[in-house]
Amino acid sequence: MAFIRTKIIKGRKYCYLVKGSWNNGKCRQKVIRYLGSYDDIYAKRTTLKNRTQHQAQDGQEKEGQ
């Protein structure tokens, strides 16, 4: 199973994609990919969310015409 882990390093948050698996009765976790700083990811998410909302509003306005 994969999940996102957030680590705080020198006061800044960083995100990693991590995969968990069982080997010899023990849980092992391996970093699959570095995703970037939390601030960068949050900024991109907010931008995409706003863009999607504007596109939905534009689509509704066109339907109403």
N, C-alpha and C. Protein backbone atom coordinates (compact mmCIF):
# COMPACT_ATOMS: atom_id res chain seq x y z
N MET A 1 0.84 -1.17 0.00
CA MET A 1 0.00 0.00 0.00
C MET A 1 0.89 1.24 0.00
N ALA A 2 0.53 2.23 -0.80
CA ALA A 2 1.31 3.46 -0.88
C ALA A 2 0.58 4.58 -0.14
N PHE A 3 1.34 5.49 0.42
CA PHE A 3 0.77 6.63 1.13
C PHE A 3 1.75 7.79 1.06
N ILE A 4 1.27 8.96 1.44
CA ILE A 4 2.11 10.16 1.44
C ILE A 4 2.57 10.43 2.86
N ARG A 5 3.88 10.56 3.02
CA ARG A 5 4.47 10.88 4.32
C ARG A 5 4.97 12.32 4.26
N THR A 6 4.70 13.05 5.33
CA THR A 6 5.19 14.42 5.45
C THR A 6 6.26 14.43 6.53
N LYS A 7 7.42 14.97 6.18
CA LYS A 7 8.52 15.10 7.15
C LYS A 7 8.82 16.57 7.35
N ILE A 8 9.22 16.91 8.57
CA ILE A 8 9.65 18.27 8.86
C ILE A 8 11.17 18.24 8.99
N ILE A 9 11.83 19.00 8.12
CA ILE A 9 13.29 19.07 8.11
C ILE A 9 13.67 20.54 8.19
N LYS A 10 14.39 20.89 9.25
CA LYS A 10 14.82 22.27 9.50
C LYS A 10 13.64 23.24 9.43
N GLY A 11 12.50 22.81 9.98
CA GLY A 11 11.34 23.68 10.08
C GLY A 11 10.45 23.73 8.85
N ARG A 12 10.83 23.05 7.78
CA ARG A 12 10.01 23.04 6.56
C ARG A 12 9.43 21.65 6.34
N LYS A 13 8.22 21.59 5.77
CA LYS A 13 7.56 20.31 5.50
C LYS A 13 7.87 19.84 4.08
N TYR A 14 8.16 18.54 3.96
CA TYR A 14 8.42 17.92 2.66
C TYR A 14 7.58 16.65 2.55
N CYS A 15 7.13 16.33 1.35
CA CYS A 15 6.24 15.19 1.12
C CYS A 15 6.93 14.12 0.28
N TYR A 16 6.68 12.87 0.65
CA TYR A 16 7.25 11.71 -0.04
C TYR A 16 6.15 10.69 -0.28
N LEU A 17 6.21 10.00 -1.40
CA LEU A 17 5.35 8.86 -1.66
C LEU A 17 6.07 7.63 -1.15
N VAL A 18 5.43 6.90 -0.23
CA VAL A 18 6.07 5.78 0.46
C VAL A 18 5.23 4.52 0.25
N LYS A 19 5.92 3.38 0.05
CA LYS A 19 5.24 2.10 -0.11
C LYS A 19 5.58 1.23 1.09
N GLY A 20 4.55 0.63 1.69
CA GLY A 20 4.75 -0.26 2.81
C GLY A 20 4.58 -1.71 2.38
N SER A 21 5.43 -2.60 2.88
CA SER A 21 5.30 -4.02 2.58
C SER A 21 5.83 -4.82 3.77
N TRP A 22 5.48 -6.11 3.79
CA TRP A 22 5.91 -7.00 4.87
C TRP A 22 6.97 -7.94 4.34
N ASN A 23 8.10 -8.02 5.06
CA ASN A 23 9.19 -8.94 4.74
C ASN A 23 9.62 -9.65 6.01
N ASN A 24 9.56 -10.97 6.00
CA ASN A 24 9.97 -11.78 7.15
C ASN A 24 9.25 -11.36 8.43
N GLY A 25 7.97 -11.04 8.31
CA GLY A 25 7.17 -10.68 9.48
C GLY A 25 7.38 -9.27 9.98
N LYS A 26 8.14 -8.47 9.26
CA LYS A 26 8.39 -7.08 9.66
C LYS A 26 7.90 -6.14 8.56
N CYS A 27 7.41 -5.00 8.99
CA CYS A 27 6.95 -3.98 8.05
C CYS A 27 8.15 -3.18 7.57
N ARG A 28 8.28 -3.05 6.26
CA ARG A 28 9.34 -2.24 5.65
C ARG A 28 8.71 -1.14 4.83
N GLN A 29 9.26 0.05 4.92
CA GLN A 29 8.75 1.17 4.15
C GLN A 29 9.84 1.70 3.25
N LYS A 30 9.48 1.92 2.00
CA LYS A 30 10.45 2.40 1.02
C LYS A 30 9.91 3.66 0.36
N VAL A 31 10.75 4.67 0.28
CA VAL A 31 10.37 5.91 -0.40
C VAL A 31 10.40 5.64 -1.90
N ILE A 32 9.26 5.85 -2.54
CA ILE A 32 9.16 5.63 -3.98
C ILE A 32 9.54 6.90 -4.73
N ARG A 33 9.07 8.04 -4.22
CA ARG A 33 9.33 9.30 -4.93
C ARG A 33 9.23 10.48 -3.97
N TYR A 34 10.10 11.44 -4.19
CA TYR A 34 10.02 12.72 -3.49
C TYR A 34 9.00 13.57 -4.24
N LEU A 35 8.02 14.11 -3.54
CA LEU A 35 6.95 14.87 -4.19
C LEU A 35 7.20 16.38 -4.18
N GLY A 36 7.99 16.85 -3.26
CA GLY A 36 8.27 18.28 -3.19
C GLY A 36 7.93 18.84 -1.82
N SER A 37 8.13 20.14 -1.69
CA SER A 37 7.81 20.77 -0.41
C SER A 37 6.30 20.88 -0.26
N TYR A 38 5.84 20.84 0.96
CA TYR A 38 4.41 20.92 1.24
C TYR A 38 3.83 22.23 0.70
N ASP A 39 4.57 23.32 0.87
CA ASP A 39 4.09 24.62 0.41
C ASP A 39 3.87 24.63 -1.10
N ASP A 40 4.81 24.05 -1.86
CA ASP A 40 4.68 23.99 -3.32
C ASP A 40 3.49 23.14 -3.74
N ILE A 41 3.32 22.00 -3.08
CA ILE A 41 2.21 21.10 -3.41
C ILE A 41 0.88 21.78 -3.09
N TYR A 42 0.80 22.45 -1.96
CA TYR A 42 -0.44 23.12 -1.56
C TYR A 42 -0.77 24.25 -2.55
N ALA A 43 0.25 25.00 -2.97
CA ALA A 43 0.03 26.09 -3.93
C ALA A 43 -0.49 25.54 -5.26
N LYS A 44 0.09 24.44 -5.74
CA LYS A 44 -0.38 23.84 -7.00
C LYS A 44 -1.80 23.34 -6.85
N ARG A 45 -2.11 22.71 -5.71
CA ARG A 45 -3.46 22.19 -5.47
C ARG A 45 -4.48 23.32 -5.48
N THR A 46 -4.15 24.42 -4.83
CA THR A 46 -5.06 25.56 -4.76
C THR A 46 -5.27 26.15 -6.15
N THR A 47 -4.21 26.25 -6.94
CA THR A 47 -4.31 26.78 -8.29
C THR A 47 -5.19 25.90 -9.15
N LEU A 48 -4.99 24.58 -9.09
CA LEU A 48 -5.80 23.66 -9.88
C LEU A 48 -7.26 23.70 -9.44
N LYS A 49 -7.50 23.80 -8.14
CA LYS A 49 -8.86 23.84 -7.61
C LYS A 49 -9.57 25.10 -8.12
N ASN A 50 -8.89 26.23 -8.08
CA ASN A 50 -9.48 27.48 -8.55
C ASN A 50 -9.75 27.42 -10.05
N ARG A 51 -8.82 26.85 -10.81
CA ARG A 51 -8.98 26.74 -12.25
C ARG A 51 -10.18 25.86 -12.59
N THR A 52 -10.33 24.76 -11.87
CA THR A 52 -11.45 23.85 -12.10
C THR A 52 -12.77 24.52 -11.78
N GLN A 53 -12.81 25.29 -10.70
CA GLN A 53 -14.04 25.99 -10.33
C GLN A 53 -14.42 27.02 -11.38
N HIS A 54 -13.42 27.75 -11.93
CA HIS A 54 -13.70 28.74 -12.96
C HIS A 54 -14.19 28.08 -14.24
N GLN A 55 -13.62 26.94 -14.59
CA GLN A 55 -14.06 26.23 -15.79
C GLN A 55 -15.49 25.74 -15.62
N ALA A 56 -15.85 25.27 -14.43
CA ALA A 56 -17.21 24.81 -14.17
C ALA A 56 -18.19 25.98 -14.26
N GLN A 57 -17.80 27.12 -13.73
CA GLN A 57 -18.67 28.30 -13.79
C GLN A 57 -18.85 28.76 -15.23
N ASP A 58 -17.78 28.75 -16.02
CA ASP A 58 -17.86 29.14 -17.42
C ASP A 58 -18.79 28.20 -18.18
N GLY A 59 -18.73 26.91 -17.88
CA GLY A 59 -19.59 25.92 -18.53
C GLY A 59 -21.06 26.16 -18.19
N GLN A 60 -21.34 26.52 -16.96
CA GLN A 60 -22.73 26.78 -16.54
C GLN A 60 -23.26 28.03 -17.20
N GLU A 61 -22.40 29.05 -17.36
CA GLU A 61 -22.83 30.30 -18.00
C GLU A 61 -23.16 30.06 -19.46
N LYS A 62 -22.37 29.22 -20.14
CA LYS A 62 -22.62 28.92 -21.55
C LYS A 62 -23.92 28.15 -21.73
N GLU A 63 -24.22 27.23 -20.78
CA GLU A 63 -25.46 26.47 -20.86
C GLU A 63 -26.68 27.36 -20.67
N GLY A 64 -26.54 28.40 -19.88
CA GLY A 64 -27.64 29.30 -19.58
C GLY A 64 -27.95 30.27 -20.70
N GLN A 65 -27.07 30.40 -21.66
CA GLN A 65 -27.26 31.39 -22.74
C GLN A 65 -28.23 30.93 -23.76
